[in-house]
């Protein structure tokens, strides 16, 4: 005799697996760590400051 299965639990478990897989794909595609964003922001700020320092006149 087979075991009784709650179809709602099976459906929800299947959806959870799909969502986790999609989240993993999105993390690879779009995700960057906070440290990466802060490093890029600091580099951009340093570049802006260096450019500003080399101006011949302030406008």
N, C-alpha and C. Protein backbone atom coordinates (compact mmCIF):
# COMPACT_ATOMS: atom_id res chain seq x y z
N UNK A 1 0.83 -1.17 0.00
CA UNK A 1 0.00 0.00 0.00
C UNK A 1 0.89 1.25 0.00
N UNK A 2 0.46 2.25 -0.74
CA UNK A 2 1.27 3.46 -0.85
C UNK A 2 0.96 4.44 0.27
N UNK A 3 1.84 5.40 0.40
CA UNK A 3 1.72 6.40 1.46
C UNK A 3 0.82 7.54 1.01
N UNK A 4 0.05 8.09 1.93
CA UNK A 4 -0.83 9.21 1.63
C UNK A 4 0.01 10.47 1.51
N UNK A 5 -0.26 11.25 0.45
CA UNK A 5 0.53 12.45 0.18
C UNK A 5 -0.40 13.66 0.16
N UNK A 6 0.00 14.69 0.88
CA UNK A 6 -0.75 15.94 0.85
C UNK A 6 -0.30 16.71 -0.39
N UNK A 7 -1.21 16.88 -1.34
CA UNK A 7 -0.86 17.50 -2.62
C UNK A 7 -0.47 18.96 -2.46
N UNK A 8 -1.04 19.66 -1.48
CA UNK A 8 -0.66 21.05 -1.25
C UNK A 8 0.80 21.15 -0.82
N UNK A 9 1.22 20.25 0.04
CA UNK A 9 2.62 20.27 0.48
C UNK A 9 3.57 19.98 -0.68
N UNK A 10 3.19 19.04 -1.51
CA UNK A 10 4.02 18.70 -2.67
C UNK A 10 4.12 19.89 -3.62
N UNK A 11 2.99 20.54 -3.88
CA UNK A 11 2.96 21.70 -4.77
C UNK A 11 3.80 22.84 -4.20
N UNK A 12 3.65 23.12 -2.91
CA UNK A 12 4.39 24.20 -2.28
C UNK A 12 5.89 23.90 -2.26
N UNK A 13 6.26 22.68 -2.00
CA UNK A 13 7.67 22.29 -1.99
C UNK A 13 8.27 22.46 -3.39
N UNK A 14 7.51 22.08 -4.40
CA UNK A 14 7.97 22.23 -5.78
C UNK A 14 8.17 23.70 -6.12
N UNK A 15 7.23 24.56 -5.70
CA UNK A 15 7.35 26.00 -5.94
C UNK A 15 8.56 26.60 -5.21
N UNK A 16 8.81 26.12 -3.98
CA UNK A 16 9.98 26.61 -3.23
C UNK A 16 11.27 26.29 -3.95
N UNK A 17 11.36 25.10 -4.50
CA UNK A 17 12.56 24.71 -5.25
C UNK A 17 12.74 25.60 -6.47
N UNK A 18 11.66 25.88 -7.18
CA UNK A 18 11.73 26.75 -8.36
C UNK A 18 12.17 28.16 -7.97
N UNK A 19 11.60 28.68 -6.88
CA UNK A 19 11.94 30.04 -6.45
C UNK A 19 13.39 30.14 -6.01
N UNK A 20 13.89 29.12 -5.33
CA UNK A 20 15.29 29.13 -4.92
C UNK A 20 16.22 29.09 -6.13
N UNK A 21 15.85 28.31 -7.12
CA UNK A 21 16.66 28.24 -8.34
C UNK A 21 16.65 29.58 -9.05
N UNK A 22 15.49 30.22 -9.13
CA UNK A 22 15.39 31.53 -9.77
C UNK A 22 16.18 32.57 -8.98
N UNK A 23 16.12 32.50 -7.67
CA UNK A 23 16.87 33.45 -6.83
C UNK A 23 18.37 33.27 -7.03
N UNK A 24 18.80 32.04 -7.16
CA UNK A 24 20.22 31.79 -7.42
C UNK A 24 20.67 32.36 -8.75
N UNK A 25 19.83 32.19 -9.77
CA UNK A 25 20.15 32.74 -11.08
C UNK A 25 20.20 34.27 -11.03
N UNK A 26 19.25 34.88 -10.33
CA UNK A 26 19.23 36.33 -10.22
C UNK A 26 20.44 36.85 -9.44
N UNK A 27 20.86 36.11 -8.42
CA UNK A 27 22.01 36.53 -7.64
C UNK A 27 23.26 36.54 -8.51
N UNK A 28 23.38 35.55 -9.37
CA UNK A 28 24.54 35.50 -10.27
C UNK A 28 24.44 36.59 -11.32
N UNK A 29 23.25 36.82 -11.81
CA UNK A 29 23.05 37.77 -12.91
C UNK A 29 23.14 39.21 -12.44
N UNK A 30 22.50 39.54 -11.33
CA UNK A 30 22.40 40.93 -10.90
C UNK A 30 23.16 41.23 -9.61
N UNK A 31 23.42 40.23 -8.83
CA UNK A 31 23.90 40.45 -7.48
C UNK A 31 25.34 40.89 -7.38
N UNK A 32 25.54 41.84 -6.51
CA UNK A 32 26.88 42.27 -6.14
C UNK A 32 26.86 42.45 -4.63
N UNK A 33 27.96 42.17 -4.00
CA UNK A 33 28.00 42.31 -2.57
C UNK A 33 28.07 43.78 -2.20
N UNK A 34 27.74 44.07 -0.97
CA UNK A 34 27.78 45.45 -0.48
C UNK A 34 29.21 45.99 -0.58
N UNK A 35 30.17 45.17 -0.29
CA UNK A 35 31.57 45.58 -0.35
C UNK A 35 31.95 45.97 -1.78
N UNK A 36 31.51 45.20 -2.76
CA UNK A 36 31.80 45.52 -4.16
C UNK A 36 31.23 46.87 -4.55
N UNK A 37 29.97 47.12 -4.13
CA UNK A 37 29.35 48.41 -4.45
C UNK A 37 30.10 49.55 -3.78
N UNK A 38 30.50 49.37 -2.52
CA UNK A 38 31.21 50.43 -1.81
C UNK A 38 32.58 50.70 -2.43
N UNK A 39 33.26 49.67 -2.87
CA UNK A 39 34.56 49.84 -3.51
C UNK A 39 34.41 50.61 -4.81
N UNK A 40 33.43 50.26 -5.61
CA UNK A 40 33.19 50.97 -6.86
C UNK A 40 32.83 52.43 -6.60
N UNK A 41 32.03 52.67 -5.58
CA UNK A 41 31.63 54.03 -5.23
C UNK A 41 32.85 54.84 -4.78
N UNK A 42 33.73 54.24 -3.99
CA UNK A 42 34.93 54.92 -3.51
C UNK A 42 35.87 55.24 -4.67
N UNK A 43 36.00 54.31 -5.60
CA UNK A 43 36.86 54.55 -6.77
C UNK A 43 36.31 55.69 -7.63
N UNK A 44 35.00 55.72 -7.81
CA UNK A 44 34.38 56.78 -8.60
C UNK A 44 34.57 58.13 -7.92
N UNK A 45 34.42 58.16 -6.60
CA UNK A 45 34.60 59.41 -5.85
C UNK A 45 36.04 59.89 -5.96
N UNK A 46 36.98 58.99 -5.87
CA UNK A 46 38.39 59.35 -5.98
C UNK A 46 38.69 59.90 -7.38
N UNK A 47 38.13 59.30 -8.39
CA UNK A 47 38.34 59.76 -9.76
C UNK A 47 37.72 61.14 -9.96
N UNK A 48 36.51 61.37 -9.41
CA UNK A 48 35.88 62.69 -9.51
C UNK A 48 36.71 63.75 -8.80
N UNK A 49 37.22 63.42 -7.62
CA UNK A 49 38.04 64.36 -6.86
C UNK A 49 39.33 64.69 -7.60
N UNK A 50 39.97 63.69 -8.19
CA UNK A 50 41.21 63.93 -8.93
C UNK A 50 40.95 64.81 -10.14
N UNK A 51 39.84 64.58 -10.82
CA UNK A 51 39.49 65.40 -11.98
C UNK A 51 39.19 66.83 -11.55
N UNK A 52 38.49 66.98 -10.45
CA UNK A 52 38.15 68.31 -9.93
C UNK A 52 39.41 69.08 -9.54
N UNK A 53 40.40 68.39 -9.01
CA UNK A 53 41.63 69.04 -8.58
C UNK A 53 42.46 69.55 -9.76
N UNK A 54 42.28 68.97 -10.91
CA UNK A 54 43.07 69.34 -12.09
C UNK A 54 42.39 70.40 -12.94
N UNK A 55 41.27 70.92 -12.48
CA UNK A 55 40.59 71.98 -13.24
C UNK A 55 41.41 73.25 -13.19
N UNK A 56 41.35 74.02 -14.25
CA UNK A 56 42.08 75.29 -14.30
C UNK A 56 41.28 76.42 -13.67
N UNK A 57 39.97 76.36 -13.75
CA UNK A 57 39.15 77.39 -13.11
C UNK A 57 37.91 76.76 -12.52
N UNK A 58 37.41 77.36 -11.47
CA UNK A 58 36.18 76.87 -10.84
C UNK A 58 35.00 77.59 -11.43
N UNK A 59 34.03 76.83 -11.84
CA UNK A 59 32.83 77.42 -12.42
C UNK A 59 31.65 77.23 -11.52
